[in-house]
């Protein structure tokens, strides 16, 4: 009887010290979010692109209501895993020029045009899509996605990036009232 009491007492002490973890239907803090940068997206599509899910959180400077260009970044701890740039422009932009330019804002590796409802290029480490979107300061919306954790020579994620953008970009256009 004493042995059983000691074991029970030891278990209670260890629980109170956090040695054992008890799950009571709590949300997993390492869970893939159902919304990324203000757009609902199937977590399975995001999971294909995100290597680490530790402490996922966003840094968001996008002002959708005012159509102010800005970044939104999904971070794992301090490391960016998905980098978006939301941009509104008066005229259509040459996406291949953006993708291959020397600046880091929209540059993606080995871009290729893809056939879709919107103008899009998909690269080995990101994508750029553009569609008409009338706002007070512009006529076009451009979304750039960059995946900084993918090596420039890694071609294995191109189809995953395309699947993600085929879902994410139209959903983003709806949140902006463009579609």
N, C-alpha and C. Protein backbone atom coordinates (compact mmCIF):
# COMPACT_ATOMS: atom_id res chain seq x y z
N UNK A 1 0.82 -1.19 0.00
CA UNK A 1 0.00 0.00 0.00
C UNK A 1 0.87 1.26 0.00
N UNK A 2 1.92 1.21 0.83
CA UNK A 2 2.82 2.37 0.89
C UNK A 2 3.52 2.58 -0.45
N UNK A 3 3.88 1.51 -1.12
CA UNK A 3 4.56 1.60 -2.42
C UNK A 3 3.63 2.26 -3.43
N UNK A 4 2.37 1.87 -3.43
CA UNK A 4 1.39 2.46 -4.35
C UNK A 4 1.21 3.94 -4.05
N UNK A 5 1.17 4.31 -2.78
CA UNK A 5 1.05 5.71 -2.39
C UNK A 5 2.25 6.52 -2.88
N UNK A 6 3.45 5.97 -2.70
CA UNK A 6 4.67 6.66 -3.13
C UNK A 6 4.70 6.85 -4.65
N UNK A 7 4.29 5.82 -5.36
CA UNK A 7 4.26 5.92 -6.83
C UNK A 7 3.26 6.99 -7.25
N UNK A 8 2.09 7.00 -6.63
CA UNK A 8 1.07 8.01 -6.95
C UNK A 8 1.56 9.41 -6.62
N UNK A 9 2.18 9.56 -5.46
CA UNK A 9 2.72 10.85 -5.04
C UNK A 9 3.81 11.30 -6.00
N UNK A 10 4.70 10.40 -6.37
CA UNK A 10 5.77 10.72 -7.32
C UNK A 10 5.18 11.16 -8.66
N UNK A 11 4.16 10.48 -9.12
CA UNK A 11 3.49 10.85 -10.37
C UNK A 11 2.89 12.24 -10.29
N UNK A 12 2.24 12.58 -9.17
CA UNK A 12 1.66 13.91 -9.00
C UNK A 12 2.74 14.99 -8.98
N UNK A 13 3.84 14.72 -8.31
CA UNK A 13 4.94 15.68 -8.26
C UNK A 13 5.51 15.89 -9.66
N UNK A 14 5.71 14.82 -10.39
CA UNK A 14 6.26 14.93 -11.75
C UNK A 14 5.30 15.68 -12.68
N UNK A 15 4.00 15.44 -12.52
CA UNK A 15 3.01 16.18 -13.31
C UNK A 15 3.09 17.67 -13.01
N UNK A 16 3.19 18.00 -11.72
CA UNK A 16 3.23 19.41 -11.34
C UNK A 16 4.50 20.09 -11.83
N UNK A 17 5.57 19.33 -11.98
CA UNK A 17 6.82 19.89 -12.49
C UNK A 17 6.88 19.90 -14.01
N UNK A 18 5.86 19.38 -14.65
CA UNK A 18 5.82 19.38 -16.11
C UNK A 18 6.63 18.29 -16.76
N UNK A 19 7.01 17.26 -15.99
CA UNK A 19 7.79 16.16 -16.55
C UNK A 19 6.92 15.35 -17.51
N UNK A 20 5.65 15.16 -17.14
CA UNK A 20 4.70 14.49 -18.02
C UNK A 20 3.81 15.55 -18.64
N UNK A 21 3.42 15.33 -19.87
CA UNK A 21 2.51 16.28 -20.53
C UNK A 21 1.17 15.62 -20.69
N UNK A 22 0.13 16.30 -20.28
CA UNK A 22 -1.23 15.78 -20.40
C UNK A 22 -1.92 16.57 -21.50
N UNK A 23 -2.55 15.86 -22.41
CA UNK A 23 -3.26 16.52 -23.51
C UNK A 23 -4.74 16.55 -23.21
N UNK A 24 -5.31 17.73 -23.25
CA UNK A 24 -6.74 17.91 -23.02
C UNK A 24 -7.34 18.68 -24.18
N UNK A 25 -7.16 18.17 -25.39
CA UNK A 25 -7.68 18.82 -26.60
C UNK A 25 -7.19 20.25 -26.76
N UNK A 26 -5.96 20.51 -26.36
CA UNK A 26 -5.39 21.84 -26.55
C UNK A 26 -4.89 21.96 -27.99
N UNK A 27 -4.94 23.17 -28.56
CA UNK A 27 -4.42 23.40 -29.90
C UNK A 27 -2.91 23.25 -29.88
N UNK A 28 -2.38 22.57 -30.84
CA UNK A 28 -0.94 22.37 -30.95
C UNK A 28 -0.31 23.67 -31.44
N UNK A 29 0.65 24.19 -30.67
CA UNK A 29 1.29 25.46 -31.06
C UNK A 29 2.16 25.30 -32.29
N UNK A 30 2.42 24.07 -32.71
CA UNK A 30 3.21 23.82 -33.92
C UNK A 30 2.31 23.46 -35.10
N UNK A 31 1.04 23.74 -34.97
CA UNK A 31 0.05 23.41 -36.00
C UNK A 31 0.14 24.40 -37.16
N UNK A 32 -0.09 23.90 -38.38
CA UNK A 32 -0.14 24.77 -39.57
C UNK A 32 -1.44 25.58 -39.50
N UNK A 33 -1.36 26.90 -39.65
CA UNK A 33 -2.57 27.72 -39.56
C UNK A 33 -3.50 27.52 -40.76
N UNK A 34 -4.79 27.75 -40.53
CA UNK A 34 -5.78 27.66 -41.61
C UNK A 34 -5.87 28.96 -42.39
N UNK A 35 -5.25 30.00 -41.89
CA UNK A 35 -5.21 31.30 -42.56
C UNK A 35 -3.78 31.81 -42.51
N UNK A 36 -3.27 32.21 -43.67
CA UNK A 36 -1.91 32.74 -43.76
C UNK A 36 -1.99 34.14 -44.35
N UNK A 37 -1.51 35.10 -43.61
CA UNK A 37 -1.49 36.50 -44.05
C UNK A 37 -2.86 36.98 -44.51
N UNK A 38 -3.87 36.62 -43.74
CA UNK A 38 -5.22 37.11 -44.00
C UNK A 38 -6.00 36.34 -45.04
N UNK A 39 -5.47 35.24 -45.54
CA UNK A 39 -6.15 34.43 -46.55
C UNK A 39 -6.31 33.01 -46.04
N UNK A 40 -7.53 32.49 -46.09
CA UNK A 40 -7.77 31.10 -45.70
C UNK A 40 -7.17 30.18 -46.75
N UNK A 41 -6.48 29.14 -46.29
CA UNK A 41 -5.82 28.19 -47.18
C UNK A 41 -5.79 26.83 -46.50
N UNK A 42 -5.93 25.79 -47.29
CA UNK A 42 -5.87 24.42 -46.77
C UNK A 42 -4.49 24.22 -46.12
N UNK A 43 -4.45 23.87 -44.84
CA UNK A 43 -3.16 23.67 -44.16
C UNK A 43 -2.26 22.64 -44.86
N UNK A 44 -2.85 21.68 -45.55
CA UNK A 44 -2.03 20.68 -46.26
C UNK A 44 -1.21 21.33 -47.37
N UNK A 45 -1.76 22.35 -48.03
CA UNK A 45 -1.02 23.06 -49.08
C UNK A 45 0.14 23.86 -48.48
N UNK A 46 -0.10 24.47 -47.33
CA UNK A 46 0.95 25.21 -46.66
C UNK A 46 2.03 24.27 -46.13
N UNK A 47 1.60 23.14 -45.59
CA UNK A 47 2.53 22.16 -45.01
C UNK A 47 3.56 21.69 -46.04
N UNK A 48 3.16 21.63 -47.33
CA UNK A 48 4.10 21.19 -48.37
C UNK A 48 5.29 22.14 -48.51
N UNK A 49 5.10 23.39 -48.11
CA UNK A 49 6.14 24.41 -48.29
C UNK A 49 6.89 24.78 -47.02
N UNK A 50 6.33 24.45 -45.88
CA UNK A 50 6.91 24.85 -44.60
C UNK A 50 7.68 23.68 -43.99
N UNK A 51 8.98 23.86 -43.82
CA UNK A 51 9.82 22.78 -43.26
C UNK A 51 9.69 22.70 -41.75
N UNK A 52 9.63 23.83 -41.08
CA UNK A 52 9.56 23.85 -39.62
C UNK A 52 8.26 24.51 -39.18
N UNK A 53 7.60 23.89 -38.21
CA UNK A 53 6.36 24.46 -37.68
C UNK A 53 6.52 24.94 -36.24
N UNK A 54 7.75 25.07 -35.78
CA UNK A 54 8.00 25.52 -34.42
C UNK A 54 7.60 26.97 -34.25
N UNK A 55 6.69 27.25 -33.33
CA UNK A 55 6.29 28.61 -32.99
C UNK A 55 5.96 29.45 -34.22
N UNK A 56 5.03 28.96 -35.05
CA UNK A 56 4.64 29.71 -36.24
C UNK A 56 3.88 30.98 -35.86
N UNK A 57 4.28 32.09 -36.45
CA UNK A 57 3.60 33.36 -36.23
C UNK A 57 3.86 34.28 -37.42
N UNK A 58 3.09 35.36 -37.52
CA UNK A 58 3.19 36.26 -38.67
C UNK A 58 3.73 37.63 -38.29
N UNK A 59 4.40 38.22 -39.24
CA UNK A 59 4.78 39.63 -39.22
C UNK A 59 4.07 40.21 -40.43
N UNK A 60 3.13 41.15 -40.20
CA UNK A 60 2.27 41.61 -41.29
C UNK A 60 2.26 43.14 -41.35
N UNK A 61 2.68 43.69 -42.49
CA UNK A 61 2.66 45.14 -42.71
C UNK A 61 1.72 45.51 -43.86
N UNK A 62 0.86 44.59 -44.28
CA UNK A 62 -0.04 44.83 -45.40
C UNK A 62 -1.27 45.58 -44.91
N UNK A 63 -1.63 46.63 -45.64
CA UNK A 63 -2.86 47.37 -45.35
C UNK A 63 -3.80 47.13 -46.53
N UNK A 64 -4.65 46.12 -46.40
CA UNK A 64 -5.56 45.73 -47.48
C UNK A 64 -6.60 46.82 -47.76
N UNK A 65 -7.09 47.44 -46.72
CA UNK A 65 -8.14 48.45 -46.89
C UNK A 65 -7.64 49.65 -47.69
N UNK A 66 -6.41 50.05 -47.47
CA UNK A 66 -5.84 51.20 -48.17
C UNK A 66 -5.00 50.81 -49.38
N UNK A 67 -4.90 49.51 -49.65
CA UNK A 67 -4.11 49.00 -50.78
C UNK A 67 -2.67 49.52 -50.74
N UNK A 68 -2.07 49.44 -49.55
CA UNK A 68 -0.70 49.88 -49.37
C UNK A 68 0.22 48.67 -49.48
N UNK A 69 1.18 48.75 -50.38
CA UNK A 69 2.13 47.68 -50.60
C UNK A 69 2.91 47.39 -49.33
N UNK A 70 3.09 46.09 -49.05
CA UNK A 70 3.83 45.71 -47.87
C UNK A 70 4.08 44.23 -47.80
N UNK A 71 4.94 43.83 -46.86
CA UNK A 71 5.25 42.41 -46.68
C UNK A 71 4.37 41.75 -45.62
N UNK A 72 4.25 40.46 -45.75
CA UNK A 72 3.69 39.62 -44.69
C UNK A 72 4.54 38.36 -44.68
N UNK A 73 5.04 38.02 -43.50
CA UNK A 73 5.98 36.90 -43.38
C UNK A 73 5.46 35.91 -42.35
N UNK A 74 5.46 34.64 -42.72
CA UNK A 74 5.17 33.57 -41.77
C UNK A 74 6.52 33.08 -41.27
N UNK A 75 6.70 33.17 -39.95
CA UNK A 75 7.97 32.81 -39.33
C UNK A 75 7.83 31.56 -38.49
N UNK A 76 8.90 30.79 -38.43
CA UNK A 76 9.03 29.69 -37.50
C UNK A 76 10.14 30.12 -36.54
N UNK A 77 9.74 30.43 -35.32
CA UNK A 77 10.62 31.08 -34.35
C UNK A 77 11.05 32.42 -34.94
N UNK A 78 12.32 32.57 -35.31
CA UNK A 78 12.80 33.83 -35.91
C UNK A 78 13.09 33.69 -37.39
N UNK A 79 12.90 32.50 -37.95
CA UNK A 79 13.25 32.24 -39.34
C UNK A 79 12.04 32.35 -40.26
N UNK A 80 12.16 33.16 -41.33
CA UNK A 80 11.05 33.25 -42.29
C UNK A 80 10.91 31.94 -43.06
N UNK A 81 9.67 31.45 -43.16
CA UNK A 81 9.41 30.23 -43.94
C UNK A 81 8.59 30.53 -45.19
N UNK A 82 7.70 31.51 -45.12
CA UNK A 82 6.95 32.00 -46.28
C UNK A 82 7.00 33.53 -46.25
N UNK A 83 7.50 34.13 -47.33
CA UNK A 83 7.56 35.59 -47.42
C UNK A 83 6.64 36.04 -48.55
N UNK A 84 5.69 36.89 -48.22
CA UNK A 84 4.77 37.44 -49.22
C UNK A 84 5.02 38.93 -49.38
N UNK A 85 4.78 39.42 -50.58
CA UNK A 85 4.77 40.86 -50.84
C UNK A 85 3.48 41.16 -51.57
N UNK A 86 2.63 41.94 -50.94
CA UNK A 86 1.36 42.37 -51.51
C UNK A 86 1.62 43.74 -52.15
N UNK A 87 1.28 43.88 -53.43
CA UNK A 87 1.59 45.12 -54.13
C UNK A 87 0.44 45.53 -55.05
N UNK A 88 0.09 46.81 -55.00
CA UNK A 88 -0.92 47.38 -55.87
C UNK A 88 -0.25 48.38 -56.80
N UNK A 89 -0.53 48.29 -58.11
CA UNK A 89 0.13 49.14 -59.10
C UNK A 89 -0.88 49.72 -60.08
N UNK A 90 -0.52 50.84 -60.69
CA UNK A 90 -1.38 51.49 -61.68
C UNK A 90 -1.43 50.72 -62.99
N UNK A 91 -0.32 50.06 -63.34
CA UNK A 91 -0.27 49.31 -64.60
C UNK A 91 0.27 47.90 -64.36
N UNK A 92 0.02 47.04 -65.34
CA UNK A 92 0.51 45.67 -65.26
C UNK A 92 2.04 45.67 -65.27
N UNK A 93 2.61 44.73 -64.57
CA UNK A 93 4.05 44.61 -64.46
C UNK A 93 4.52 43.38 -65.22
N UNK A 94 5.71 43.44 -65.79
CA UNK A 94 6.32 42.29 -66.44
C UNK A 94 6.82 41.36 -65.33
N UNK A 95 6.12 40.27 -65.12
CA UNK A 95 6.46 39.37 -64.01
C UNK A 95 7.82 38.71 -64.19
N UNK A 96 8.18 38.40 -65.42
CA UNK A 96 9.48 37.77 -65.65
C UNK A 96 10.60 38.76 -65.32
N UNK A 97 10.38 40.04 -65.58
CA UNK A 97 11.35 41.06 -65.22
C UNK A 97 11.50 41.13 -63.69
N UNK A 98 10.36 41.10 -62.99
CA UNK A 98 10.42 41.10 -61.52
C UNK A 98 11.15 39.88 -60.99
N UNK A 99 10.85 38.72 -61.56
CA UNK A 99 11.41 37.47 -61.07
C UNK A 99 12.92 37.38 -61.29
N UNK A 100 13.40 37.96 -62.39
CA UNK A 100 14.82 37.82 -62.72
C UNK A 100 15.62 39.08 -62.42
N UNK A 101 14.97 40.11 -61.91
CA UNK A 101 15.65 41.36 -61.59
C UNK A 101 16.68 41.20 -60.50
N UNK A 102 17.49 42.22 -60.34
CA UNK A 102 18.57 42.16 -59.36
C UNK A 102 18.12 42.46 -57.93
N UNK A 103 16.92 43.01 -57.77
CA UNK A 103 16.43 43.30 -56.43
C UNK A 103 15.97 42.04 -55.72
N UNK A 104 15.87 42.11 -54.41
CA UNK A 104 15.48 40.93 -53.64
C UNK A 104 13.98 40.89 -53.36
N UNK A 105 13.26 41.94 -53.69
CA UNK A 105 11.84 42.02 -53.35
C UNK A 105 10.99 40.96 -54.04
N UNK A 106 11.23 40.72 -55.31
CA UNK A 106 10.42 39.76 -56.05
C UNK A 106 11.24 38.69 -56.76
N UNK A 107 12.51 38.65 -56.55
CA UNK A 107 13.37 37.71 -57.28
C UNK A 107 13.09 36.27 -56.88
N UNK A 108 12.93 35.42 -57.90
CA UNK A 108 12.78 33.99 -57.67
C UNK A 108 13.69 33.24 -58.65
N UNK A 109 14.11 32.07 -58.26
CA UNK A 109 15.06 31.30 -59.06
C UNK A 109 14.36 30.52 -60.17
N UNK A 110 14.92 30.55 -61.34
CA UNK A 110 14.48 29.77 -62.49
C UNK A 110 12.97 29.88 -62.75
N UNK A 111 12.46 31.10 -62.95
CA UNK A 111 11.02 31.28 -63.15
C UNK A 111 10.54 30.75 -64.51
N UNK A 112 9.32 30.23 -64.50
CA UNK A 112 8.66 29.78 -65.73
C UNK A 112 7.22 30.25 -65.69
N UNK A 113 6.73 30.74 -66.81
CA UNK A 113 5.32 31.13 -66.90
C UNK A 113 4.46 29.88 -66.83
N UNK A 114 3.31 30.02 -66.19
CA UNK A 114 2.35 28.91 -66.12
C UNK A 114 1.01 29.39 -66.63
N UNK A 115 0.24 28.45 -67.16
CA UNK A 115 -1.10 28.77 -67.64
C UNK A 115 -2.05 28.71 -66.46
N UNK A 116 -2.71 29.83 -66.18
CA UNK A 116 -3.69 29.89 -65.12
C UNK A 116 -4.63 31.05 -65.41
N UNK A 117 -5.64 31.20 -64.57
CA UNK A 117 -6.61 32.28 -64.76
C UNK A 117 -5.95 33.65 -64.62
N UNK A 118 -4.86 33.72 -63.88
CA UNK A 118 -4.14 34.99 -63.71
C UNK A 118 -2.76 34.85 -64.33
N UNK A 119 -2.09 35.97 -64.47
CA UNK A 119 -0.73 35.98 -64.98
C UNK A 119 0.18 35.50 -63.84
N UNK A 120 0.96 34.43 -64.10
CA UNK A 120 1.78 33.84 -63.04
C UNK A 120 3.09 33.28 -63.56
N UNK A 121 4.11 33.36 -62.71
CA UNK A 121 5.37 32.66 -62.93
C UNK A 121 5.68 31.88 -61.66
N UNK A 122 6.19 30.67 -61.86
CA UNK A 122 6.55 29.80 -60.74
C UNK A 122 8.04 29.53 -60.84
N UNK A 123 8.73 29.63 -59.73
CA UNK A 123 10.16 29.36 -59.69
C UNK A 123 10.48 28.21 -58.77
N UNK A 124 11.75 27.94 -58.63
CA UNK A 124 12.20 26.87 -57.74
C UNK A 124 12.02 27.23 -56.27
N UNK A 125 11.98 28.54 -55.99
CA UNK A 125 11.90 28.99 -54.60
C UNK A 125 10.85 30.07 -54.38
N UNK A 126 9.86 30.13 -55.27
CA UNK A 126 8.81 31.13 -55.09
C UNK A 126 7.93 31.28 -56.31
N UNK A 127 7.08 32.31 -56.29
CA UNK A 127 6.14 32.55 -57.38
C UNK A 127 5.68 34.00 -57.36
N UNK A 128 5.20 34.45 -58.51
CA UNK A 128 4.61 35.78 -58.62
C UNK A 128 3.35 35.65 -59.44
N UNK A 129 2.25 36.22 -58.95
CA UNK A 129 0.99 36.23 -59.69
C UNK A 129 0.43 37.64 -59.70
N UNK A 130 -0.31 37.94 -60.77
CA UNK A 130 -0.88 39.28 -60.93
C UNK A 130 -2.26 39.19 -61.57
N UNK A 131 -3.15 40.08 -61.15
CA UNK A 131 -4.50 40.13 -61.71
C UNK A 131 -5.02 41.56 -61.63
N UNK A 132 -5.97 41.90 -62.50
CA UNK A 132 -6.61 43.21 -62.37
C UNK A 132 -7.30 43.33 -61.01
N UNK A 133 -7.17 44.49 -60.40
CA UNK A 133 -7.77 44.74 -59.10
C UNK A 133 -7.89 46.25 -58.94
N UNK A 134 -9.05 46.77 -59.14
CA UNK A 134 -9.27 48.22 -59.11
C UNK A 134 -9.33 48.73 -57.67
N UNK A 135 -8.42 49.65 -57.36
CA UNK A 135 -8.43 50.33 -56.07
C UNK A 135 -8.27 51.83 -56.33
N UNK A 136 -8.31 52.62 -55.31
CA UNK A 136 -8.18 54.07 -55.50
C UNK A 136 -6.81 54.47 -56.02
N UNK A 137 -5.78 53.64 -55.74
CA UNK A 137 -4.43 53.98 -56.17
C UNK A 137 -3.86 53.06 -57.24
N UNK A 138 -4.63 52.10 -57.73
CA UNK A 138 -4.07 51.19 -58.71
C UNK A 138 -5.12 50.37 -59.43
N UNK A 139 -4.65 49.65 -60.45
CA UNK A 139 -5.52 48.81 -61.26
C UNK A 139 -5.13 47.34 -61.23
N UNK A 140 -3.96 47.03 -60.64
CA UNK A 140 -3.45 45.66 -60.63
C UNK A 140 -2.92 45.30 -59.24
N UNK A 141 -3.13 44.04 -58.91
CA UNK A 141 -2.59 43.49 -57.66
C UNK A 141 -1.56 42.42 -58.02
N UNK A 142 -0.40 42.50 -57.39
CA UNK A 142 0.67 41.52 -57.60
C UNK A 142 1.04 40.91 -56.26
N UNK A 143 1.12 39.59 -56.23
CA UNK A 143 1.51 38.86 -55.03
C UNK A 143 2.78 38.07 -55.32
N UNK A 144 3.79 38.33 -54.52
CA UNK A 144 5.05 37.59 -54.62
C UNK A 144 5.16 36.66 -53.42
N UNK A 145 5.54 35.42 -53.68
CA UNK A 145 5.81 34.44 -52.63
C UNK A 145 7.27 34.03 -52.77
N UNK A 146 8.00 34.09 -51.68
CA UNK A 146 9.38 33.62 -51.66
C UNK A 146 9.54 32.63 -50.51
N UNK A 147 10.31 31.58 -50.77
CA UNK A 147 10.56 30.54 -49.78
C UNK A 147 12.05 30.52 -49.47
N UNK A 148 12.49 31.30 -48.48
CA UNK A 148 13.92 31.46 -48.21
C UNK A 148 14.62 30.19 -47.74
N UNK A 149 13.88 29.20 -47.26
CA UNK A 149 14.53 27.99 -46.77
C UNK A 149 14.79 26.96 -47.88
N UNK A 150 14.31 27.24 -49.09
CA UNK A 150 14.55 26.33 -50.21
C UNK A 150 15.81 26.77 -50.94
N UNK A 151 16.71 25.84 -51.15
CA UNK A 151 17.95 26.14 -51.86
C UNK A 151 17.64 26.44 -53.32
N UNK A 152 18.37 27.38 -53.91
CA UNK A 152 18.13 27.81 -55.28
C UNK A 152 18.22 26.68 -56.30
N UNK A 153 18.99 25.67 -56.01
CA UNK A 153 19.15 24.55 -56.95
C UNK A 153 18.14 23.43 -56.72
N UNK A 154 17.33 23.53 -55.69
CA UNK A 154 16.36 22.49 -55.35
C UNK A 154 15.11 22.66 -56.22
N UNK A 155 14.89 21.75 -57.14
CA UNK A 155 13.75 21.80 -58.05
C UNK A 155 12.55 21.00 -57.56
N UNK A 156 12.65 20.37 -56.41
CA UNK A 156 11.63 19.43 -55.97
C UNK A 156 10.35 20.09 -55.46
N UNK A 157 10.35 21.40 -55.26
CA UNK A 157 9.18 22.07 -54.68
C UNK A 157 8.35 22.85 -55.71
N UNK A 158 8.80 22.88 -56.96
CA UNK A 158 8.11 23.68 -57.98
C UNK A 158 6.63 23.33 -58.09
N UNK A 159 6.28 22.06 -58.13
CA UNK A 159 4.87 21.68 -58.27
C UNK A 159 4.08 22.00 -57.00
N UNK A 160 4.72 21.89 -55.84
CA UNK A 160 4.05 22.25 -54.58
C UNK A 160 3.78 23.76 -54.53
N UNK A 161 4.74 24.54 -55.00
CA UNK A 161 4.58 25.99 -55.04
C UNK A 161 3.42 26.34 -55.97
N UNK A 162 3.36 25.68 -57.12
CA UNK A 162 2.28 25.96 -58.07
C UNK A 162 0.92 25.59 -57.48
N UNK A 163 0.81 24.43 -56.83
CA UNK A 163 -0.45 24.02 -56.20
C UNK A 163 -0.88 25.06 -55.15
N UNK A 164 0.07 25.48 -54.35
CA UNK A 164 -0.21 26.47 -53.31
C UNK A 164 -0.74 27.77 -53.93
N UNK A 165 -0.03 28.29 -54.92
CA UNK A 165 -0.41 29.57 -55.53
C UNK A 165 -1.73 29.48 -56.29
N UNK A 166 -2.02 28.34 -56.91
CA UNK A 166 -3.31 28.17 -57.61
C UNK A 166 -4.49 28.26 -56.64
N UNK A 167 -4.26 27.95 -55.38
CA UNK A 167 -5.31 28.08 -54.36
C UNK A 167 -5.22 29.41 -53.63
N UNK A 168 -4.01 29.81 -53.26
CA UNK A 168 -3.83 30.99 -52.41
C UNK A 168 -4.13 32.30 -53.15
N UNK A 169 -3.66 32.44 -54.38
CA UNK A 169 -3.84 33.71 -55.09
C UNK A 169 -5.31 34.04 -55.35
N UNK A 170 -6.12 33.12 -55.90
CA UNK A 170 -7.54 33.45 -56.08
C UNK A 170 -8.26 33.73 -54.75
N UNK A 171 -7.88 33.00 -53.70
CA UNK A 171 -8.49 33.25 -52.39
C UNK A 171 -8.11 34.63 -51.87
N UNK A 172 -6.87 35.06 -52.13
CA UNK A 172 -6.43 36.40 -51.72
C UNK A 172 -7.21 37.45 -52.50
N UNK A 173 -7.38 37.23 -53.80
CA UNK A 173 -8.15 38.20 -54.62
C UNK A 173 -9.56 38.38 -54.06
N UNK A 174 -10.16 37.30 -53.60
CA UNK A 174 -11.51 37.40 -53.01
C UNK A 174 -11.49 38.26 -51.74
N UNK A 175 -10.44 38.10 -50.92
CA UNK A 175 -10.37 38.90 -49.69
C UNK A 175 -10.19 40.38 -50.00
N UNK A 176 -9.65 40.67 -51.18
CA UNK A 176 -9.44 42.07 -51.59
C UNK A 176 -10.62 42.65 -52.35
N UNK A 177 -11.62 41.81 -52.64
CA UNK A 177 -12.76 42.26 -53.41
C UNK A 177 -12.45 42.39 -54.89
N UNK A 178 -11.43 41.70 -55.36
CA UNK A 178 -11.02 41.78 -56.76
C UNK A 178 -11.64 40.69 -57.62
N UNK A 179 -12.11 39.64 -57.00
CA UNK A 179 -12.61 38.49 -57.78
C UNK A 179 -14.10 38.34 -57.63
